[in-house]
Amino acid sequence: MLYMSTDFFMIVSMSFSHGQTPGLSTKELILKTALELFNRDGVLQTSTREIAEACGISQGNLTYHFARKNEIIISLFERLKESNDRIISEMAREDDFSPENFRTGIRKKFEAMHAYRFLFLDFLNILREIETLKTQYAKLDLQREKEFFQILEMLQRQNLLKKNLQVNAYTSLYRMFGIYFNFWLTDAELRLKHGADVIGEYEETAFQFLIPYLNKKGREMFLNRSC
């Protein structure tokens, strides 16, 4: 049964600097409330007026901090990026490598995406609406591809990957992961699978992409684990 890792809850609480609603600044309260409403109702169905009402503040107070709804979305996108930056940095630490830590990193990434799921469920509409995010996403994709290959190089140094694969094999693997990570939440929504307990199923499927690239030692290390 899936558990939500303690480290992930720490990441989310770090994203909202004061941790508890009574102590939040107005700006942090707006972001926290908007995230809840966007996740529940969707971006298009949520107005700044509704966010202000849910926060218990005036519309003018909200627009003082965020002139437009798009600015809230951009701030939440940046929070998710920062969380994923930390997760990937931990996964790439060779001095602390273990199959369990590697899989924990994948789990944390799924948890982070689920916490900010509106960004993926409304992915295309958001990119079409906010040109600056489209540009940021293109740059982020290049950054993530570089980080992905750095992690693969680490696995190679650990002698866990097959040798003599085709040149484009790892590029294809990155694209498979990219498509899957961007749209697994949409698939879950279409299949009426809701709640954090759905993460385990999709996490395991994602890991299956890597298995054909592992050598015997890699398969033994990653598959012979306590459940």
Protein backbone atom coordinates (compact mmCIF):
# COMPACT_ATOMS: atom_id res chain seq x y z
CA MET A 1 0.00 0.00 0.00
CA LEU A 2 1.34 3.41 -0.98
CA TYR A 3 2.53 5.75 1.72
CA MET A 4 3.08 9.47 1.34
CA SER A 5 6.68 10.00 2.38
CA THR A 6 7.53 12.20 5.34
CA ASP A 7 10.14 13.98 3.22
CA PHE A 8 7.50 14.92 0.68
CA PHE A 9 5.26 16.53 3.28
CA MET A 10 8.32 18.51 4.36
CA ILE A 11 8.79 19.68 0.76
CA VAL A 12 5.17 20.85 0.53
CA SER A 13 5.36 22.65 3.87
CA MET A 14 8.60 24.34 2.75
CA SER A 15 6.77 25.57 -0.34
CA PHE A 16 4.44 27.56 1.91
CA SER A 17 6.89 29.25 4.20
CA HIS A 18 4.94 29.52 7.44
CA GLY A 19 3.57 25.99 7.42
CA GLN A 20 0.16 26.48 9.11
CA THR A 21 -2.77 28.49 7.76
CA PRO A 22 -3.21 30.76 10.83
CA GLY A 23 0.37 32.00 10.43
CA LEU A 24 0.43 32.35 6.64
CA SER A 25 1.08 35.69 5.02
CA THR A 26 -1.69 36.88 2.73
CA LYS A 27 0.36 35.98 -0.35
CA GLU A 28 1.05 32.46 0.92
CA LEU A 29 -2.60 32.01 1.88
CA ILE A 30 -3.66 32.98 -1.63
CA LEU A 31 -1.27 30.45 -3.17
CA LYS A 32 -2.30 27.68 -0.80
CA THR A 33 -6.01 28.32 -1.35
CA ALA A 34 -5.65 28.69 -5.12
CA LEU A 35 -3.79 25.36 -5.29
CA GLU A 36 -6.63 23.64 -3.43
CA LEU A 37 -9.31 25.19 -5.67
CA PHE A 38 -7.41 24.61 -8.92
CA ASN A 39 -6.87 20.96 -7.97
CA ARG A 40 -10.51 20.51 -7.00
CA ASP A 41 -12.33 22.49 -9.68
CA GLY A 42 -9.79 23.22 -12.42
CA VAL A 43 -8.18 26.47 -13.53
CA LEU A 44 -10.89 27.54 -15.98
CA GLN A 45 -13.64 26.97 -13.40
CA THR A 46 -11.89 28.98 -10.65
CA SER A 47 -11.99 32.78 -10.60
CA THR A 48 -9.89 35.17 -8.55
CA ARG A 49 -13.13 36.24 -6.85
CA GLU A 50 -13.68 32.66 -5.66
CA ILE A 51 -10.09 32.45 -4.45
CA ALA A 52 -10.48 35.71 -2.52
CA GLU A 53 -13.74 34.52 -0.93
CA ALA A 54 -12.17 31.21 0.08
CA CYS A 55 -9.26 33.14 1.63
CA GLY A 56 -11.62 35.46 3.49
CA ILE A 57 -10.08 38.55 1.89
CA SER A 58 -11.30 41.20 -0.52
CA GLN A 59 -10.79 41.03 -4.27
CA GLY A 60 -8.69 44.18 -4.01
CA ASN A 61 -6.42 42.56 -1.43
CA LEU A 62 -5.87 39.59 -3.72
CA THR A 63 -5.09 41.75 -6.76
CA TYR A 64 -2.59 43.72 -4.67
CA HIS A 65 -0.51 40.53 -4.48
CA PHE A 66 -1.49 38.96 -7.83
CA ALA A 67 -2.89 41.29 -10.47
CA ARG A 68 -4.12 38.38 -12.61
CA LYS A 69 -4.92 34.71 -12.12
CA ASN A 70 -2.08 33.82 -14.47
CA GLU A 71 0.41 35.24 -11.96
CA ILE A 72 -0.87 32.78 -9.35
CA ILE A 73 -0.49 29.91 -11.81
CA ILE A 74 3.07 30.95 -12.64
CA SER A 75 3.98 31.11 -8.93
CA LEU A 76 2.59 27.61 -8.35
CA PHE A 77 4.44 26.31 -11.42
CA GLU A 78 7.66 27.70 -9.94
CA ARG A 79 6.90 26.01 -6.59
CA LEU A 80 6.53 22.66 -8.33
CA LYS A 81 9.75 23.21 -10.27
CA GLU A 82 11.63 23.97 -7.04
CA SER A 83 10.27 20.79 -5.42
CA ASN A 84 11.29 18.69 -8.42
CA ASP A 85 14.72 20.34 -8.50
CA ARG A 86 15.31 19.14 -4.92
CA ILE A 87 14.01 15.65 -5.65
CA ILE A 88 16.18 15.20 -8.76
CA SER A 89 19.23 16.58 -6.97
CA GLU A 90 18.76 13.92 -4.27
CA MET A 91 18.34 11.17 -6.88
CA ALA A 92 21.58 12.20 -8.61
CA ARG A 93 23.72 11.93 -5.45
CA GLU A 94 26.04 9.07 -6.23
CA ASP A 95 27.52 8.96 -2.71
CA ASP A 96 24.06 8.14 -1.34
CA PHE A 97 22.91 5.83 -4.13
CA SER A 98 20.78 2.77 -3.45
CA PRO A 99 17.91 1.19 -5.38
CA GLU A 100 15.54 2.13 -2.55
CA ASN A 101 16.66 5.76 -2.56
CA PHE A 102 16.29 5.84 -6.33
CA ARG A 103 12.74 4.50 -6.16
CA THR A 104 11.96 6.86 -3.29
CA GLY A 105 12.96 9.71 -5.59
CA ILE A 106 10.57 8.50 -8.27
CA ARG A 107 7.82 8.22 -5.65
CA LYS A 108 8.45 11.76 -4.44
CA LYS A 109 8.24 13.04 -8.01
CA PHE A 110 4.83 11.43 -8.43
CA GLU A 111 3.69 12.86 -5.10
CA ALA A 112 4.81 16.33 -6.12
CA MET A 113 2.96 16.10 -9.43
CA HIS A 114 -0.16 14.90 -7.64
CA ALA A 115 0.07 17.81 -5.19
CA TYR A 116 0.10 20.25 -8.15
CA ARG A 117 -2.06 18.10 -10.41
CA PHE A 118 -4.07 20.97 -11.91
CA LEU A 119 -0.97 21.98 -13.89
CA PHE A 120 -1.03 18.62 -15.68
CA LEU A 121 -4.78 18.22 -15.99
CA ASP A 122 -5.04 21.67 -17.61
CA PHE A 123 -1.58 21.41 -19.16
CA LEU A 124 -2.25 22.42 -22.78
CA ASN A 125 -4.74 25.15 -21.95
CA ILE A 126 -2.32 26.69 -19.45
CA LEU A 127 0.56 26.70 -21.94
CA ARG A 128 -1.65 28.21 -24.63
CA GLU A 129 -2.89 30.90 -22.26
CA ILE A 130 0.42 31.85 -20.63
CA GLU A 131 3.17 32.44 -23.18
CA THR A 132 5.88 32.91 -20.55
CA LEU A 133 5.14 29.44 -19.13
CA LYS A 134 5.42 27.91 -22.59
CA THR A 135 8.90 29.41 -22.85
CA GLN A 136 9.81 28.29 -19.32
CA TYR A 137 8.57 24.78 -20.01
CA ALA A 138 10.70 24.49 -23.17
CA LYS A 139 13.80 25.49 -21.17
CA LEU A 140 12.82 23.16 -18.34
CA ASP A 141 12.48 20.23 -20.73
CA LEU A 142 16.09 20.75 -21.84
CA GLN A 143 17.21 20.96 -18.21
CA ARG A 144 15.35 17.77 -17.27
CA GLU A 145 16.79 15.92 -20.26
CA LYS A 146 20.32 16.86 -19.16
CA GLU A 147 19.57 15.75 -15.59
CA PHE A 148 18.05 12.50 -16.87
CA PHE A 149 21.24 11.62 -18.74
CA GLN A 150 23.33 12.50 -15.68
CA ILE A 151 21.30 10.00 -13.65
CA LEU A 152 21.72 7.36 -16.37
CA GLU A 153 25.47 8.00 -16.36
CA MET A 154 25.45 7.43 -12.61
CA LEU A 155 23.65 4.11 -13.13
CA GLN A 156 26.24 3.20 -15.76
CA ARG A 157 29.09 3.92 -13.33
CA GLN A 158 27.31 1.66 -10.86
CA ASN A 159 27.38 -1.02 -13.61
CA LEU A 160 23.59 -1.42 -13.57
CA LEU A 161 22.74 -0.71 -17.23
CA LYS A 162 23.19 -2.82 -20.35
CA LYS A 163 26.10 -1.96 -22.61
CA ASN A 164 26.19 -1.52 -26.39
CA LEU A 165 22.66 -0.12 -26.69
CA GLN A 166 21.75 1.91 -29.76
CA VAL A 167 22.77 5.56 -29.64
CA ASN A 168 19.18 6.83 -29.50
CA ALA A 169 18.00 4.27 -26.95
CA TYR A 170 18.32 6.55 -23.94
CA THR A 171 16.83 9.50 -25.82
CA SER A 172 13.79 7.34 -26.56
CA LEU A 173 13.66 6.34 -22.89
CA TYR A 174 13.65 10.00 -21.86
CA ARG A 175 10.79 10.75 -24.25
CA MET A 176 8.79 7.81 -22.91
CA PHE A 177 9.24 9.07 -19.35
CA GLY A 178 8.40 12.62 -20.44
CA ILE A 179 5.14 11.67 -22.12
CA TYR A 180 4.19 9.45 -19.21
CA PHE A 181 4.95 12.00 -16.50
CA ASN A 182 3.11 14.77 -18.35
CA PHE A 183 -0.09 12.79 -18.90
CA TRP A 184 -0.47 10.05 -16.27
CA LEU A 185 -2.78 12.28 -14.23
CA THR A 186 -5.02 12.77 -17.26
CA ASP A 187 -5.18 9.00 -17.66
CA ALA A 188 -6.08 8.61 -13.98
CA GLU A 189 -8.82 11.21 -14.36
CA LEU A 190 -10.28 9.47 -17.41
CA ARG A 191 -10.26 6.15 -15.53
CA LEU A 192 -11.97 7.81 -12.54
CA LYS A 193 -9.00 7.01 -10.30
CA HIS A 194 -8.79 9.73 -7.69
CA GLY A 195 -6.82 10.32 -4.52
CA ALA A 196 -3.19 9.86 -3.57
CA ASP A 197 -3.57 6.06 -3.39
CA VAL A 198 -3.51 5.94 -7.19
CA ILE A 199 0.15 7.00 -7.26
CA GLY A 200 1.53 3.53 -6.51
CA GLU A 201 0.04 2.01 -9.65
CA TYR A 202 1.47 4.70 -11.94
CA GLU A 203 4.80 4.74 -10.14
CA GLU A 204 5.24 1.03 -10.74
CA THR A 205 4.30 1.34 -14.41
CA ALA A 206 6.86 4.12 -14.87
CA PHE A 207 9.57 1.96 -13.34
CA GLN A 208 8.79 -0.77 -15.90
CA PHE A 209 10.18 1.56 -18.60
CA LEU A 210 13.62 1.28 -17.03
CA ILE A 211 13.76 -2.49 -16.50
CA PRO A 212 14.64 -3.46 -20.14
CA TYR A 213 17.68 -1.19 -19.91
CA LEU A 214 19.03 -2.82 -16.73
CA ASN A 215 21.62 -5.56 -16.88
CA LYS A 216 21.48 -8.65 -14.69
CA LYS A 217 23.06 -6.86 -11.73
CA GLY A 218 20.69 -3.93 -12.13
CA ARG A 219 17.60 -6.14 -12.28
CA GLU A 220 18.73 -8.06 -9.22
CA MET A 221 19.33 -4.85 -7.26
CA PHE A 222 16.08 -3.13 -8.25
CA LEU A 223 13.72 -6.09 -8.34
CA ASN A 224 14.96 -8.10 -5.34
CA ARG A 225 13.64 -5.64 -2.78
CA SER A 226 11.37 -5.93 0.20
CA CYS A 227 7.82 -4.75 -0.58
